[in-house]
Amino acid sequence: MLQIGILGDFDAGKRSHPATNEALRHAADFMHAGVSANWIPTPSLSDGNGKDVLASQDAIWASPGSPYQSFDGMLAGIRYARSCRIPFLGTCGGFQYALIEYARNVLGWLDADSEENGPAARSIIAPVACPAPDRKPGAPKLSGVCNLSVQPGTKLARIYGCHTAAEEYICNFEVNARYLTDFVRSGLRFSAFGEKGELRAIEISDHPFFLATLFQPQLSSVEGDPHPVITAFLHAAASYHAQAGSVTAAVYSR
């Protein structure tokens, strides 16, 4: 049974949260594997707590749902996955906070934050610059299905098996373009871009599986046809489980 830790504050009323559980089940059924979706509330990870829970997981998924109940708890969970080389997937808010965690703990920008949380000295995440034109009244600025350009040679391109895709979004915030060059210089790899060149996915090349997307692959996963990103994520979890079992990760570095 694969143990998938989902960082986030579960709310059955948010479409993305039940869809996350269902998408994992779709992929597990397709693989003929067992999976347990273990939601880990962000407050449980604040102040350095929750490492035992994280260490018992075969993979970690940072869920949508920002702002989270605990900003520090979400960052701590992502940092653990990155540093301990546990398979990681972040979607929507999970993508945004993966960038904030990377900025703070790799680039050393301790003031990196999202404007969703209020004014910030270094706003890594900013409001969507070009709202989707066909969204429903009152819907988030970036809503619905949009075209995606997947970069050749990336893990994401290998997962899709092509360089174009159409994915669904439900968000009001995206990466602040002024910091893209800094992320590139640090070694972060950009996996996909939107129709106007907006960053939509990132990965870490020397990590077994570290992928984060502003789009939500769980929203287009269906029974019998799981989303390839989530299937790849579970395959990485299965590999981690086979190699490491439930042994606690020994390294918790930068």
C-alpha atoms as a PDB file:
ATOM      1  CA  MET A   1       0.000   0.000   0.000  1.00  0.00           C
ATOM      2  CA  LEU A   2       1.526   3.281  -1.113  1.00  0.00           C
ATOM      3  CA  GLN A   3       1.304   6.051   1.462  1.00  0.00           C
ATOM      4  CA  ILE A   4       0.763   9.463  -0.124  1.00  0.00           C
ATOM      5  CA  GLY A   5       0.995  12.428   2.228  1.00  0.00           C
ATOM      6  CA  ILE A   6      -1.141  15.343   1.039  1.00  0.00           C
ATOM      7  CA  LEU A   7      -0.079  18.663   2.518  1.00  0.00           C
ATOM      8  CA  GLY A   8      -3.158  20.798   2.967  1.00  0.00           C
ATOM      9  CA  ASP A   9      -6.256  21.580   4.968  1.00  0.00           C
ATOM     10  CA  PHE A  10      -8.923  19.283   3.539  1.00  0.00           C
ATOM     11  CA  ASP A  11     -12.232  20.878   2.631  1.00  0.00           C
ATOM     12  CA  ALA A  12     -14.818  18.669   0.929  1.00  0.00           C
ATOM     13  CA  GLY A  13     -16.453  21.816  -0.445  1.00  0.00           C
ATOM     14  CA  LYS A  14     -13.421  22.629  -2.578  1.00  0.00           C
ATOM     15  CA  ARG A  15     -13.636  20.767  -5.868  1.00  0.00           C
ATOM     16  CA  SER A  16      -9.864  20.261  -5.963  1.00  0.00           C
ATOM     17  CA  HIS A  17      -9.645  18.340  -2.692  1.00  0.00           C
ATOM     18  CA  PRO A  18     -11.989  15.400  -3.401  1.00  0.00           C
ATOM     19  CA  ALA A  19     -10.573  15.410  -6.955  1.00  0.00           C
ATOM     20  CA  THR A  20      -7.093  14.886  -5.519  1.00  0.00           C
ATOM     21  CA  ASN A  21      -8.237  11.747  -3.684  1.00  0.00           C
ATOM     22  CA  GLU A  22     -10.075  10.466  -6.748  1.00  0.00           C
ATOM     23  CA  ALA A  23      -7.139  11.122  -9.069  1.00  0.00           C
ATOM     24  CA  LEU A  24      -4.851   9.079  -6.832  1.00  0.00           C
ATOM     25  CA  ARG A  25      -7.366   6.242  -6.880  1.00  0.00           C
ATOM     26  CA  HIS A  26      -7.650   6.413 -10.684  1.00  0.00           C
ATOM     27  CA  ALA A  27      -3.879   6.120 -11.058  1.00  0.00           C
ATOM     28  CA  ALA A  28      -3.585   3.371  -8.427  1.00  0.00           C
ATOM     29  CA  ASP A  29      -6.331   1.303 -10.059  1.00  0.00           C
ATOM     30  CA  PHE A  30      -4.635   1.723 -13.432  1.00  0.00           C
ATOM     31  CA  MET A  31      -1.365   0.479 -11.908  1.00  0.00           C
ATOM     32  CA  HIS A  32      -3.120  -2.320  -9.959  1.00  0.00           C
ATOM     33  CA  ALA A  33      -1.681  -0.858  -6.778  1.00  0.00           C
ATOM     34  CA  GLY A  34      -3.053   0.118  -3.405  1.00  0.00           C
ATOM     35  CA  VAL A  35      -2.899   3.713  -2.251  1.00  0.00           C
ATOM     36  CA  SER A  36      -3.741   5.584   0.928  1.00  0.00           C
ATOM     37  CA  ALA A  37      -4.370   9.328   0.595  1.00  0.00           C
ATOM     38  CA  ASN A  38      -3.226  10.803   3.920  1.00  0.00           C
ATOM     39  CA  TRP A  39      -4.159  14.458   4.357  1.00  0.00           C
ATOM     40  CA  ILE A  40      -1.670  16.225   6.646  1.00  0.00           C
ATOM     41  CA  PRO A  41      -3.056  19.514   8.047  1.00  0.00           C
ATOM     42  CA  THR A  42      -0.564  22.338   7.680  1.00  0.00           C
ATOM     43  CA  PRO A  43      -0.697  23.375  11.383  1.00  0.00           C
ATOM     44  CA  SER A  44       0.550  19.897  12.318  1.00  0.00           C
ATOM     45  CA  LEU A  45       3.834  20.651  10.536  1.00  0.00           C
ATOM     46  CA  SER A  46       4.559  24.046  12.066  1.00  0.00           C
ATOM     47  CA  ASP A  47       7.365  24.560  14.595  1.00  0.00           C
ATOM     48  CA  GLY A  48       9.279  21.566  13.238  1.00  0.00           C
ATOM     49  CA  ASN A  49       6.570  19.077  14.148  1.00  0.00           C
ATOM     50  CA  GLY A  50       5.295  16.231  11.986  1.00  0.00           C
ATOM     51  CA  LYS A  51       8.602  14.812  10.707  1.00  0.00           C
ATOM     52  CA  ASP A  52       7.621  11.301  11.780  1.00  0.00           C
ATOM     53  CA  VAL A  53       4.421  11.570   9.758  1.00  0.00           C
ATOM     54  CA  LEU A  54       6.289  12.876   6.715  1.00  0.00           C
ATOM     55  CA  ALA A  55       8.953  10.184   7.012  1.00  0.00           C
ATOM     56  CA  SER A  56       6.300   7.457   6.825  1.00  0.00           C
ATOM     57  CA  GLN A  57       5.075   8.634   3.408  1.00  0.00           C
ATOM     58  CA  ASP A  58       6.181   7.239   0.048  1.00  0.00           C
ATOM     59  CA  ALA A  59       5.482  10.563  -1.678  1.00  0.00           C
ATOM     60  CA  ILE A  60       4.245  14.035  -0.790  1.00  0.00           C
ATOM     61  CA  TRP A  61       1.674  16.121  -2.662  1.00  0.00           C
ATOM     62  CA  ALA A  62       1.274  19.829  -1.850  1.00  0.00           C
ATOM     63  CA  SER A  63      -2.393  20.456  -2.523  1.00  0.00           C
ATOM     64  CA  PRO A  64      -4.336  23.485  -3.763  1.00  0.00           C
ATOM     65  CA  GLY A  65      -6.087  25.615  -1.158  1.00  0.00           C
ATOM     66  CA  SER A  66      -3.944  28.638  -0.359  1.00  0.00           C
ATOM     67  CA  PRO A  67      -3.786  30.595   1.805  1.00  0.00           C
ATOM     68  CA  TYR A  68      -3.178  27.645   4.118  1.00  0.00           C
ATOM     69  CA  GLN A  69      -3.947  27.514   7.817  1.00  0.00           C
ATOM     70  CA  SER A  70      -0.203  27.440   8.467  1.00  0.00           C
ATOM     71  CA  PHE A  71       2.196  29.154   6.038  1.00  0.00           C
ATOM     72  CA  ASP A  72       5.188  27.731   7.937  1.00  0.00           C
ATOM     73  CA  GLY A  73       3.690  24.244   8.053  1.00  0.00           C
ATOM     74  CA  MET A  74       3.225  24.085   4.292  1.00  0.00           C
ATOM     75  CA  LEU A  75       6.773  25.290   3.664  1.00  0.00           C
ATOM     76  CA  ALA A  76       8.145  22.778   6.178  1.00  0.00           C
ATOM     77  CA  GLY A  77       6.436  19.877   4.411  1.00  0.00           C
ATOM     78  CA  ILE A  78       7.732  20.946   0.994  1.00  0.00           C
ATOM     79  CA  ARG A  79      11.225  21.485   2.358  1.00  0.00           C
ATOM     80  CA  TYR A  80      11.217  18.003   3.821  1.00  0.00           C
ATOM     81  CA  ALA A  81      10.267  16.425   0.491  1.00  0.00           C
ATOM     82  CA  ARG A  82      12.875  18.430  -1.408  1.00  0.00           C
ATOM     83  CA  SER A  83      15.714  17.906   1.061  1.00  0.00           C
ATOM     84  CA  CYS A  84      15.037  14.247   1.786  1.00  0.00           C
ATOM     85  CA  ARG A  85      14.491  13.435  -1.901  1.00  0.00           C
ATOM     86  CA  ILE A  86      10.990  12.074  -1.408  1.00  0.00           C
ATOM     87  CA  PRO A  87       8.824  12.120  -4.572  1.00  0.00           C
ATOM     88  CA  PHE A  88       6.960  15.418  -4.635  1.00  0.00           C
ATOM     89  CA  LEU A  89       4.105  16.900  -6.613  1.00  0.00           C
ATOM     90  CA  GLY A  90       2.695  20.385  -6.047  1.00  0.00           C
ATOM     91  CA  THR A  91      -0.403  21.684  -7.818  1.00  0.00           C
ATOM     92  CA  CYS A  92      -1.874  25.218  -7.902  1.00  0.00           C
ATOM     93  CA  GLY A  93      -1.143  26.592  -4.409  1.00  0.00           C
ATOM     94  CA  GLY A  94       1.326  23.741  -3.965  1.00  0.00           C
ATOM     95  CA  PHE A  95       3.211  25.025  -7.022  1.00  0.00           C
ATOM     96  CA  GLN A  96       3.258  28.553  -5.624  1.00  0.00           C
ATOM     97  CA  TYR A  97       4.527  27.459  -2.226  1.00  0.00           C
ATOM     98  CA  ALA A  98       7.140  25.163  -3.770  1.00  0.00           C
ATOM     99  CA  LEU A  99       8.616  28.296  -5.366  1.00  0.00           C
ATOM    100  CA  ILE A 100       8.422  30.248  -2.107  1.00  0.00           C
ATOM    101  CA  GLU A 101      10.155  27.404  -0.235  1.00  0.00           C
ATOM    102  CA  TYR A 102      12.862  27.200  -2.899  1.00  0.00           C
ATOM    103  CA  ALA A 103      13.371  30.968  -2.845  1.00  0.00           C
ATOM    104  CA  ARG A 104      13.705  31.045   0.929  1.00  0.00           C
ATOM    105  CA  ASN A 105      15.834  27.959   1.523  1.00  0.00           C
ATOM    106  CA  VAL A 106      17.890  27.656  -1.678  1.00  0.00           C
ATOM    107  CA  LEU A 107      18.205  31.242  -2.886  1.00  0.00           C
ATOM    108  CA  GLY A 108      18.275  32.560   0.681  1.00  0.00           C
ATOM    109  CA  TRP A 109      15.454  35.065   0.153  1.00  0.00           C
ATOM    110  CA  LEU A 110      13.936  34.864   3.615  1.00  0.00           C
ATOM    111  CA  ASP A 111      11.399  37.561   2.747  1.00  0.00           C
ATOM    112  CA  ALA A 112       9.993  35.677  -0.268  1.00  0.00           C
ATOM    113  CA  ASP A 113       6.211  35.424  -0.083  1.00  0.00           C
ATOM    114  CA  SER A 114       2.945  35.578  -1.999  1.00  0.00           C
ATOM    115  CA  GLU A 115       0.897  38.737  -2.403  1.00  0.00           C
ATOM    116  CA  GLU A 116      -2.091  36.590  -1.513  1.00  0.00           C
ATOM    117  CA  ASN A 117      -0.813  36.881   2.074  1.00  0.00           C
ATOM    118  CA  GLY A 118      -0.509  40.669   1.873  1.00  0.00           C
ATOM    119  CA  PRO A 119       2.223  43.098   0.791  1.00  0.00           C
ATOM    120  CA  ALA A 120       5.649  41.452   0.690  1.00  0.00           C
ATOM    121  CA  ALA A 121       9.192  42.765   0.336  1.00  0.00           C
ATOM    122  CA  ARG A 122       9.862  40.125  -2.294  1.00  0.00           C
ATOM    123  CA  SER A 123       6.642  38.954  -3.948  1.00  0.00           C
ATOM    124  CA  ILE A 124       7.549  35.695  -5.667  1.00  0.00           C
ATOM    125  CA  ILE A 125       3.866  35.090  -6.320  1.00  0.00           C
ATOM    126  CA  ALA A 126       1.736  37.922  -7.713  1.00  0.00           C
ATOM    127  CA  PRO A 127      -1.823  38.357  -9.028  1.00  0.00           C
ATOM    128  CA  VAL A 128      -2.541  36.872 -12.460  1.00  0.00           C
ATOM    129  CA  ALA A 129      -1.462  39.469 -15.005  1.00  0.00           C
ATOM    130  CA  CYS A 130      -3.671  38.406 -17.931  1.00  0.00           C
ATOM    131  CA  PRO A 131      -7.051  37.052 -16.789  1.00  0.00           C
ATOM    132  CA  ALA A 132      -8.625  34.285 -18.861  1.00  0.00           C
ATOM    133  CA  PRO A 133     -11.115  35.988 -21.225  1.00  0.00           C
ATOM    134  CA  ASP A 134     -13.816  33.300 -21.179  1.00  0.00           C
ATOM    135  CA  ARG A 135     -14.067  32.622 -17.459  1.00  0.00           C
ATOM    136  CA  LYS A 136     -17.444  32.561 -15.727  1.00  0.00           C
ATOM    137  CA  PRO A 137     -18.597  35.663 -13.816  1.00  0.00           C
ATOM    138  CA  GLY A 138     -17.014  35.715 -10.369  1.00  0.00           C
ATOM    139  CA  ALA A 139     -14.586  32.909 -11.199  1.00  0.00           C
ATOM    140  CA  PRO A 140     -10.855  33.203 -10.377  1.00  0.00           C
ATOM    141  CA  LYS A 141      -8.858  35.221 -12.898  1.00  0.00           C
ATOM    142  CA  LEU A 142      -7.206  32.105 -14.292  1.00  0.00           C
ATOM    143  CA  SER A 143     -10.061  29.648 -14.725  1.00  0.00           C
ATOM    144  CA  GLY A 144     -10.872  26.883 -17.152  1.00  0.00           C
ATOM    145  CA  VAL A 145      -8.784  24.965 -19.657  1.00  0.00           C
ATOM    146  CA  CYS A 146      -5.793  26.673 -21.276  1.00  0.00           C
ATOM    147  CA  ASN A 147      -3.125  25.529 -23.699  1.00  0.00           C
ATOM    148  CA  LEU A 148       0.276  24.572 -22.390  1.00  0.00           C
ATOM    149  CA  SER A 149       3.699  24.488 -24.058  1.00  0.00           C
ATOM    150  CA  VAL A 150       5.836  21.716 -22.551  1.00  0.00           C
ATOM    151  CA  GLN A 151       9.583  22.183 -22.817  1.00  0.00           C
ATOM    152  CA  PRO A 152      11.601  19.531 -24.684  1.00  0.00           C
ATOM    153  CA  GLY A 153      13.980  17.431 -22.628  1.00  0.00           C
ATOM    154  CA  THR A 154      12.119  17.901 -19.341  1.00  0.00           C
ATOM    155  CA  LYS A 155      10.641  15.241 -17.101  1.00  0.00           C
ATOM    156  CA  LEU A 156       7.228  16.716 -17.833  1.00  0.00           C
ATOM    157  CA  ALA A 157       7.766  16.272 -21.588  1.00  0.00           C
ATOM    158  CA  ARG A 158       8.686  12.622 -21.025  1.00  0.00           C
ATOM    159  CA  ILE A 159       5.550  12.153 -18.945  1.00  0.00           C
ATOM    160  CA  TYR A 160       3.265  13.648 -21.604  1.00  0.00           C
ATOM    161  CA  GLY A 161       5.123  12.169 -24.558  1.00  0.00           C
ATOM    162  CA  CYS A 162       4.495  15.430 -26.443  1.00  0.00           C
ATOM    163  CA  HIS A 163       5.134  19.158 -26.199  1.00  0.00           C
ATOM    164  CA  THR A 164       1.604  20.529 -26.031  1.00  0.00           C
ATOM    165  CA  ALA A 165      -1.282  19.940 -23.659  1.00  0.00           C
ATOM    166  CA  ALA A 166      -4.492  21.532 -22.419  1.00  0.00           C
ATOM    167  CA  GLU A 167      -4.900  21.773 -18.645  1.00  0.00           C
ATOM    168  CA  GLU A 168      -7.360  23.268 -16.185  1.00  0.00           C
ATOM    169  CA  TYR A 169      -6.679  26.079 -13.714  1.00  0.00           C
ATOM    170  CA  ILE A 170      -8.536  27.571 -10.753  1.00  0.00           C
ATOM    171  CA  CYS A 171      -6.379  30.383  -9.371  1.00  0.00           C
ATOM    172  CA  ASN A 172      -5.846  34.096  -8.950  1.00  0.00           C
ATOM    173  CA  PHE A 173      -2.067  34.104  -8.521  1.00  0.00           C
ATOM    174  CA  GLU A 174       0.979  33.142 -10.595  1.00  0.00           C
ATOM    175  CA  VAL A 175       4.759  33.519 -10.629  1.00  0.00           C
ATOM    176  CA  ASN A 176       6.098  37.061 -10.629  1.00  0.00           C
ATOM    177  CA  ALA A 177       7.993  37.252 -13.937  1.00  0.00           C
ATOM    178  CA  ARG A 178      10.646  39.609 -12.559  1.00  0.00           C
ATOM    179  CA  TYR A 179      12.224  36.713 -10.627  1.00  0.00           C
ATOM    180  CA  LEU A 180      12.375  34.134 -13.421  1.00  0.00           C
ATOM    181  CA  THR A 181      16.007  34.816 -14.292  1.00  0.00           C
ATOM    182  CA  ASP A 182      17.060  34.301 -10.673  1.00  0.00           C
ATOM    183  CA  PHE A 183      15.335  30.923 -10.545  1.00  0.00           C
ATOM    184  CA  VAL A 184      16.984  29.828 -13.799  1.00  0.00           C
ATOM    185  CA  ARG A 185      20.435  30.807 -12.529  1.00  0.00           C
ATOM    186  CA  SER A 186      19.851  28.782  -9.372  1.00  0.00           C
ATOM    187  CA  GLY A 187      19.332  25.602 -11.413  1.00  0.00           C
ATOM    188  CA  LEU A 188      15.545  25.351 -11.193  1.00  0.00           C
ATOM    189  CA  ARG A 189      14.161  23.959 -14.438  1.00  0.00           C
ATOM    190  CA  PHE A 190      11.115  25.425 -16.133  1.00  0.00           C
ATOM    191  CA  SER A 191       8.939  22.643 -17.555  1.00  0.00           C
ATOM    192  CA  ALA A 192       5.989  24.418 -19.179  1.00  0.00           C
ATOM    193  CA  PHE A 193       4.659  27.821 -20.154  1.00  0.00           C
ATOM    194  CA  GLY A 194       1.240  29.284 -20.851  1.00  0.00           C
ATOM    195  CA  GLU A 195       0.031  30.842 -24.071  1.00  0.00           C
ATOM    196  CA  LYS A 196       1.726  34.180 -23.362  1.00  0.00           C
ATOM    197  CA  GLY A 197       4.940  32.767 -21.929  1.00  0.00           C
ATOM    198  CA  GLU A 198       3.783  32.579 -18.304  1.00  0.00           C
ATOM    199  CA  LEU A 199       5.569  29.973 -16.179  1.00  0.00           C
ATOM    200  CA  ARG A 200       3.239  27.067 -15.483  1.00  0.00           C
ATOM    201  CA  ALA A 201       5.444  24.189 -14.276  1.00  0.00           C
ATOM    202  CA  ILE A 202       8.824  23.630 -12.641  1.00  0.00           C
ATOM    203  CA  GLU A 203      11.016  20.659 -11.781  1.00  0.00           C
ATOM    204  CA  ILE A 204      14.313  19.922 -10.054  1.00  0.00           C
ATOM    205  CA  SER A 205      16.519  17.873 -12.348  1.00  0.00           C
ATOM    206  CA  ASP A 206      18.715  16.203  -9.716  1.00  0.00           C
ATOM    207  CA  HIS A 207      15.773  15.167  -7.529  1.00  0.00           C
ATOM    208  CA  PRO A 208      14.212  11.701  -8.103  1.00  0.00           C
ATOM    209  CA  PHE A 209      10.808  13.331  -8.697  1.00  0.00           C
ATOM    210  CA  PHE A 210      10.092  16.959  -7.879  1.00  0.00           C
ATOM    211  CA  LEU A 211       7.438  18.487 -10.101  1.00  0.00           C
ATOM    212  CA  ALA A 212       5.068  21.388  -9.469  1.00  0.00           C
ATOM    213  CA  THR A 213       2.355  22.772 -11.742  1.00  0.00           C
ATOM    214  CA  LEU A 214       0.114  25.824 -11.524  1.00  0.00           C
ATOM    215  CA  PHE A 215      -2.528  23.808 -13.387  1.00  0.00           C
ATOM    216  CA  GLN A 216      -4.401  21.032 -11.610  1.00  0.00           C
ATOM    217  CA  PRO A 217      -3.983  17.629 -13.288  1.00  0.00           C
ATOM    218  CA  GLN A 218      -6.346  16.048 -10.757  1.00  0.00           C
ATOM    219  CA  LEU A 219      -9.257  17.930 -12.323  1.00  0.00           C
ATOM    220  CA  SER A 220      -8.995  16.099 -15.650  1.00  0.00           C
ATOM    221  CA  SER A 221      -8.273  12.627 -14.313  1.00  0.00           C
ATOM    222  CA  VAL A 222     -11.091  10.128 -14.873  1.00  0.00           C
ATOM    223  CA  GLU A 223     -11.781   6.502 -14.068  1.00  0.00           C
ATOM    224  CA  GLY A 224      -9.886   4.306 -16.520  1.00  0.00           C
ATOM    225  CA  ASP A 225      -7.911   7.253 -17.884  1.00  0.00           C
ATOM    226  CA  PRO A 226      -5.760   8.671 -15.074  1.00  0.00           C
ATOM    227  CA  HIS A 227      -3.758  11.806 -15.673  1.00  0.00           C
ATOM    228  CA  PRO A 228      -0.191  10.918 -16.765  1.00  0.00           C
ATOM    229  CA  VAL A 229       1.381  13.324 -14.263  1.00  0.00           C
ATOM    230  CA  ILE A 230      -0.336  11.577 -11.363  1.00  0.00           C
ATOM    231  CA  THR A 231       0.467   8.122 -12.716  1.00  0.00           C
ATOM    232  CA  ALA A 232       4.138   9.127 -13.009  1.00  0.00           C
ATOM    233  CA  PHE A 233       3.986  10.500  -9.454  1.00  0.00           C
ATOM    234  CA  LEU A 234       2.672   7.177  -8.146  1.00  0.00           C
ATOM    235  CA  HIS A 235       5.312   5.245 -10.088  1.00  0.00           C
ATOM    236  CA  ALA A 236       7.927   7.400  -8.353  1.00  0.00           C
ATOM    237  CA  ALA A 237       6.256   6.656  -5.020  1.00  0.00           C
ATOM    238  CA  ALA A 238       6.358   2.931  -5.773  1.00  0.00           C
ATOM    239  CA  SER A 239      10.076   3.144  -6.575  1.00  0.00           C
ATOM    240  CA  TYR A 240      10.725   5.052  -3.364  1.00  0.00           C
ATOM    241  CA  HIS A 241       8.708   2.508  -1.383  1.00  0.00           C
ATOM    242  CA  ALA A 242      10.673  -0.374  -2.902  1.00  0.00           C
ATOM    243  CA  GLN A 243      14.042   1.241  -2.217  1.00  0.00           C
ATOM    244  CA  ALA A 244      13.469   2.899   1.124  1.00  0.00           C
ATOM    245  CA  GLY A 245      10.455   1.194   2.646  1.00  0.00           C
ATOM    246  CA  SER A 246       9.410   3.022   5.768  1.00  0.00           C
ATOM    247  CA  VAL A 247      12.964   3.913   6.826  1.00  0.00           C
ATOM    248  CA  THR A 248      13.113   7.467   8.128  1.00  0.00           C
ATOM    249  CA  ALA A 249      14.967   9.827   5.844  1.00  0.00           C
ATOM    250  CA  ALA A 250      18.356  10.427   7.415  1.00  0.00           C
ATOM    251  CA  VAL A 251      19.158  13.780   5.916  1.00  0.00           C
ATOM    252  CA  TYR A 252      17.248  16.999   6.465  1.00  0.00           C
ATOM    253  CA  SER A 253      19.542  19.613   5.070  1.00  0.00           C
ATOM    254  CA  ARG A 254      19.072  23.056   3.584  1.00  0.00           C
END
